[in-house]
C-alpha atoms as a PDB file:
ATOM      1  CA  MET A   1     -37.934 129.393 -57.227  1.00  0.00           C
ATOM      2  CA  ARG A   2     -37.250 127.280 -60.630  1.00  0.00           C
ATOM      3  CA  ALA A   3     -36.178 124.133 -60.811  1.00  0.00           C
ATOM      4  CA  LEU A   4     -35.473 122.449 -64.496  1.00  0.00           C
ATOM      5  CA  VAL A   5     -35.585 118.843 -63.361  1.00  0.00           C
ATOM      6  CA  GLN A   6     -33.988 116.207 -65.778  1.00  0.00           C
ATOM      7  CA  ARG A   7     -34.440 112.361 -64.866  1.00  0.00           C
ATOM      8  CA  VAL A   8     -30.924 110.971 -65.197  1.00  0.00           C
ATOM      9  CA  ARG A   9     -29.125 107.444 -65.390  1.00  0.00           C
ATOM     10  CA  SER A  10     -26.123 109.329 -64.111  1.00  0.00           C
ATOM     11  CA  ALA A  11     -25.050 112.657 -63.466  1.00  0.00           C
ATOM     12  CA  HIS A  12     -21.926 114.917 -62.030  1.00  0.00           C
ATOM     13  CA  VAL A  13     -20.582 118.177 -61.846  1.00  0.00           C
ATOM     14  CA  ASP A  14     -17.315 119.360 -62.042  1.00  0.00           C
ATOM     15  CA  VAL A  15     -15.476 122.817 -60.825  1.00  0.00           C
ATOM     16  CA  ILE A  16     -13.367 124.085 -63.234  1.00  0.00           C
ATOM     17  CA  THR A  17     -10.105 126.579 -62.452  1.00  0.00           C
ATOM     18  CA  ASP A  18      -7.313 127.663 -64.751  1.00  0.00           C
ATOM     19  CA  VAL A  19      -5.004 124.791 -63.549  1.00  0.00           C
ATOM     20  CA  SER A  20      -7.521 121.796 -62.451  1.00  0.00           C
ATOM     21  CA  SER A  21     -10.987 120.079 -62.502  1.00  0.00           C
ATOM     22  CA  GLU A  22     -12.366 118.937 -59.509  1.00  0.00           C
ATOM     23  CA  ARG A  23     -15.476 116.321 -59.425  1.00  0.00           C
ATOM     24  CA  VAL A  24     -17.669 117.771 -56.416  1.00  0.00           C
ATOM     25  CA  GLY A  25     -20.987 115.736 -57.204  1.00  0.00           C
ATOM     26  CA  GLU A  26     -21.868 112.608 -58.857  1.00  0.00           C
ATOM     27  CA  ILE A  27     -24.921 110.661 -58.750  1.00  0.00           C
ATOM     28  CA  THR A  28     -26.656 107.515 -60.374  1.00  0.00           C
ATOM     29  CA  THR A  29     -30.260 106.742 -61.328  1.00  0.00           C
ATOM     30  CA  GLY A  30     -32.141 110.039 -60.097  1.00  0.00           C
ATOM     31  CA  VAL A  31     -32.667 113.544 -61.350  1.00  0.00           C
ATOM     32  CA  CYS A  32     -30.156 116.562 -61.797  1.00  0.00           C
ATOM     33  CA  VAL A  33     -31.717 119.772 -60.590  1.00  0.00           C
ATOM     34  CA  LEU A  34     -30.894 122.947 -61.916  1.00  0.00           C
ATOM     35  CA  VAL A  35     -32.239 125.618 -59.402  1.00  0.00           C
ATOM     36  CA  GLY A  36     -32.830 129.247 -60.013  1.00  0.00           C
ATOM     37  CA  VAL A  37     -33.679 131.681 -57.518  1.00  0.00           C
ATOM     38  CA  THR A  38     -35.575 135.448 -57.852  1.00  0.00           C
ATOM     39  CA  HIS A  39     -35.824 138.463 -55.607  1.00  0.00           C
ATOM     40  CA  ASP A  40     -39.115 137.274 -53.829  1.00  0.00           C
ATOM     41  CA  ASP A  41     -38.069 133.715 -53.034  1.00  0.00           C
ATOM     42  CA  THR A  42     -38.127 132.584 -49.570  1.00  0.00           C
ATOM     43  CA  GLU A  43     -37.100 129.294 -47.452  1.00  0.00           C
ATOM     44  CA  ASP A  44     -40.501 128.310 -47.715  1.00  0.00           C
ATOM     45  CA  HIS A  45     -40.499 127.894 -51.556  1.00  0.00           C
ATOM     46  CA  ALA A  46     -37.078 125.864 -51.287  1.00  0.00           C
ATOM     47  CA  VAL A  47     -38.805 123.476 -48.911  1.00  0.00           C
ATOM     48  CA  ARG A  48     -41.983 123.181 -51.084  1.00  0.00           C
ATOM     49  CA  LEU A  49     -40.258 122.871 -54.172  1.00  0.00           C
ATOM     50  CA  ALA A  50     -37.968 120.046 -52.630  1.00  0.00           C
ATOM     51  CA  ALA A  51     -41.028 118.472 -51.907  1.00  0.00           C
ATOM     52  CA  LYS A  52     -42.556 118.854 -55.479  1.00  0.00           C
ATOM     53  CA  VAL A  53     -39.355 117.433 -56.398  1.00  0.00           C
ATOM     54  CA  ALA A  54     -38.807 114.350 -54.287  1.00  0.00           C
ATOM     55  CA  ASP A  55     -42.708 113.556 -55.075  1.00  0.00           C
ATOM     56  CA  LEU A  56     -42.965 114.304 -59.100  1.00  0.00           C
ATOM     57  CA  ARG A  57     -44.036 110.982 -60.424  1.00  0.00           C
ATOM     58  CA  ILE A  58     -41.521 110.657 -63.413  1.00  0.00           C
ATOM     59  CA  PHE A  59     -40.217 107.228 -62.875  1.00  0.00           C
ATOM     60  CA  ALA A  60     -41.638 104.235 -64.224  1.00  0.00           C
ATOM     61  CA  ASP A  61     -43.641 101.475 -62.637  1.00  0.00           C
ATOM     62  CA  ASP A  62     -43.661  98.063 -63.564  1.00  0.00           C
ATOM     63  CA  GLU A  63     -46.028  98.574 -66.621  1.00  0.00           C
ATOM     64  CA  GLY A  64     -43.558 101.237 -68.075  1.00  0.00           C
ATOM     65  CA  VAL A  65     -45.699 104.407 -67.032  1.00  0.00           C
ATOM     66  CA  MET A  66     -44.397 107.247 -65.301  1.00  0.00           C
ATOM     67  CA  ASN A  67     -46.305 106.709 -61.965  1.00  0.00           C
ATOM     68  CA  ARG A  68     -43.251 106.548 -59.404  1.00  0.00           C
ATOM     69  CA  SER A  69     -41.624 109.464 -57.509  1.00  0.00           C
ATOM     70  CA  LEU A  70     -37.690 109.689 -56.791  1.00  0.00           C
ATOM     71  CA  LEU A  71     -38.392 108.409 -53.351  1.00  0.00           C
ATOM     72  CA  GLU A  72     -40.303 105.222 -54.275  1.00  0.00           C
ATOM     73  CA  VAL A  73     -37.277 104.338 -56.882  1.00  0.00           C
ATOM     74  CA  ASP A  74     -34.580 105.288 -53.991  1.00  0.00           C
ATOM     75  CA  GLY A  75     -33.046 107.704 -56.400  1.00  0.00           C
ATOM     76  CA  GLU A  76     -30.641 110.252 -55.874  1.00  0.00           C
ATOM     77  CA  ALA A  77     -30.276 114.499 -56.463  1.00  0.00           C
ATOM     78  CA  LEU A  78     -27.676 116.333 -58.028  1.00  0.00           C
ATOM     79  CA  VAL A  79     -28.328 120.094 -57.136  1.00  0.00           C
ATOM     80  CA  VAL A  80     -26.782 122.925 -59.413  1.00  0.00           C
ATOM     81  CA  SER A  81     -27.507 126.385 -58.822  1.00  0.00           C
ATOM     82  CA  GLN A  82     -28.304 128.290 -62.324  1.00  0.00           C
ATOM     83  CA  PHE A  83     -29.155 131.818 -62.196  1.00  0.00           C
ATOM     84  CA  THR A  84     -29.543 131.749 -65.869  1.00  0.00           C
ATOM     85  CA  LEU A  85     -33.041 130.021 -65.639  1.00  0.00           C
ATOM     86  CA  TYR A  86     -34.067 133.583 -64.608  1.00  0.00           C
ATOM     87  CA  GLY A  87     -32.526 135.001 -68.045  1.00  0.00           C
ATOM     88  CA  ASP A  88     -34.798 137.672 -69.826  1.00  0.00           C
ATOM     89  CA  THR A  89     -34.370 136.979 -73.645  1.00  0.00           C
ATOM     90  CA  GLY A  90     -37.518 139.088 -74.314  1.00  0.00           C
ATOM     91  CA  ARG A  91     -35.426 141.962 -76.224  1.00  0.00           C
ATOM     92  CA  GLY A  92     -32.227 141.994 -78.025  1.00  0.00           C
ATOM     93  CA  ARG A  93     -29.463 139.036 -78.248  1.00  0.00           C
ATOM     94  CA  ARG A  94     -28.013 139.290 -74.917  1.00  0.00           C
ATOM     95  CA  PRO A  95     -29.966 137.842 -72.242  1.00  0.00           C
ATOM     96  CA  GLY A  96     -30.722 140.135 -69.145  1.00  0.00           C
ATOM     97  CA  TRP A  97     -30.386 138.825 -65.507  1.00  0.00           C
ATOM     98  CA  SER A  98     -32.487 141.261 -63.654  1.00  0.00           C
ATOM     99  CA  ALA A  99     -34.625 138.707 -62.170  1.00  0.00           C
ATOM    100  CA  ALA A 100     -32.169 136.538 -61.015  1.00  0.00           C
ATOM    101  CA  ALA A 101     -31.374 136.936 -57.228  1.00  0.00           C
ATOM    102  CA  ARG A 102     -28.213 138.319 -56.237  1.00  0.00           C
ATOM    103  CA  PRO A 103     -25.807 135.472 -54.860  1.00  0.00           C
ATOM    104  CA  GLU A 104     -25.802 136.408 -50.978  1.00  0.00           C
ATOM    105  CA  GLN A 105     -29.714 135.551 -51.140  1.00  0.00           C
ATOM    106  CA  ALA A 106     -29.749 132.857 -53.620  1.00  0.00           C
ATOM    107  CA  GLU A 107     -27.051 130.729 -52.077  1.00  0.00           C
ATOM    108  CA  PRO A 108     -28.596 129.964 -48.820  1.00  0.00           C
ATOM    109  CA  LEU A 109     -32.128 129.084 -50.675  1.00  0.00           C
ATOM    110  CA  VAL A 110     -30.520 126.666 -53.001  1.00  0.00           C
ATOM    111  CA  ASP A 111     -28.553 125.011 -49.914  1.00  0.00           C
ATOM    112  CA  ARG A 112     -31.960 125.111 -48.202  1.00  0.00           C
ATOM    113  CA  PHE A 113     -33.616 123.404 -51.257  1.00  0.00           C
ATOM    114  CA  ALA A 114     -30.661 120.402 -51.255  1.00  0.00           C
ATOM    115  CA  GLU A 115     -31.165 120.018 -47.431  1.00  0.00           C
ATOM    116  CA  ALA A 116     -35.038 119.919 -47.675  1.00  0.00           C
ATOM    117  CA  LEU A 117     -34.620 116.914 -50.386  1.00  0.00           C
ATOM    118  CA  GLY A 118     -31.878 115.308 -47.985  1.00  0.00           C
ATOM    119  CA  ASP A 119     -34.572 115.715 -44.942  1.00  0.00           C
ATOM    120  CA  ARG A 120     -37.335 113.710 -47.247  1.00  0.00           C
ATOM    121  CA  GLY A 121     -34.725 110.771 -47.546  1.00  0.00           C
ATOM    122  CA  VAL A 122     -33.016 111.504 -50.959  1.00  0.00           C
ATOM    123  CA  ARG A 123     -29.373 111.383 -51.252  1.00  0.00           C
ATOM    124  CA  VAL A 124     -28.172 114.717 -52.652  1.00  0.00           C
ATOM    125  CA  ALA A 125     -24.801 115.744 -54.438  1.00  0.00           C
ATOM    126  CA  THR A 126     -24.435 119.606 -55.231  1.00  0.00           C
ATOM    127  CA  GLY A 127     -22.463 121.747 -57.427  1.00  0.00           C
ATOM    128  CA  ARG A 128     -20.366 124.631 -55.492  1.00  0.00           C
ATOM    129  CA  PHE A 129     -21.800 128.201 -55.725  1.00  0.00           C
ATOM    130  CA  ARG A 130     -19.974 130.957 -57.428  1.00  0.00           C
ATOM    131  CA  THR A 131     -17.525 128.597 -59.511  1.00  0.00           C
ATOM    132  CA  ASP A 132     -17.468 127.679 -63.236  1.00  0.00           C
ATOM    133  CA  MET A 133     -18.942 124.334 -63.366  1.00  0.00           C
ATOM    134  CA  GLN A 134     -19.338 121.530 -66.004  1.00  0.00           C
ATOM    135  CA  VAL A 135     -22.243 119.549 -65.593  1.00  0.00           C
ATOM    136  CA  GLY A 136     -22.150 115.900 -67.209  1.00  0.00           C
ATOM    137  CA  LEU A 137     -25.300 113.766 -67.385  1.00  0.00           C
ATOM    138  CA  VAL A 138     -27.269 110.890 -69.388  1.00  0.00           C
ATOM    139  CA  ASN A 139     -31.039 112.106 -69.424  1.00  0.00           C
ATOM    140  CA  ASP A 140     -33.183 109.292 -69.202  1.00  0.00           C
ATOM    141  CA  GLY A 141     -35.969 109.429 -71.747  1.00  0.00           C
ATOM    142  CA  PRO A 142     -35.180 111.799 -72.064  1.00  0.00           C
ATOM    143  CA  CYS A 143     -37.252 113.514 -69.498  1.00  0.00           C
ATOM    144  CA  THR A 144     -37.074 117.113 -68.422  1.00  0.00           C
ATOM    145  CA  LEU A 145     -39.739 119.245 -66.776  1.00  0.00           C
ATOM    146  CA  MET A 146     -39.727 122.663 -65.271  1.00  0.00           C
ATOM    147  CA  LEU A 147     -41.052 123.387 -62.318  1.00  0.00           C
ATOM    148  CA  GLU A 148     -42.061 126.730 -60.467  1.00  0.00           C
ATOM    149  CA  ILE A 149     -43.020 127.718 -57.068  1.00  0.00           C
END
């Protein structure tokens, strides 16, 4: 599993259809986490990745040093599935998606990741799987990290 973690001051995700837009998730201070799943990922990977995100020390302490975790700042998480994190751009101009897990495998693991964050005490908002989404955020820092389990 891969997670692109962005420290944010705020973030939201809207589901877009031909006729409407619906805000399905919104947070204030915390992290926006784009989550990608590959073929050999398991529930254990999802739980371990959630623990890593929750404990990642990327928030400033009283001296301005990134030394506090999402849990320590009582931050929130916006979790959005992102199969394109497994895009292969090694050949040609069109990315290949063969390393990304099929939706039937990926959806329960992204859900488990979000649930595991919640189990650790993080308030979690999510996007909606298999929809056209637009994510808006105010990246704080900016601070963006790629994690992989």
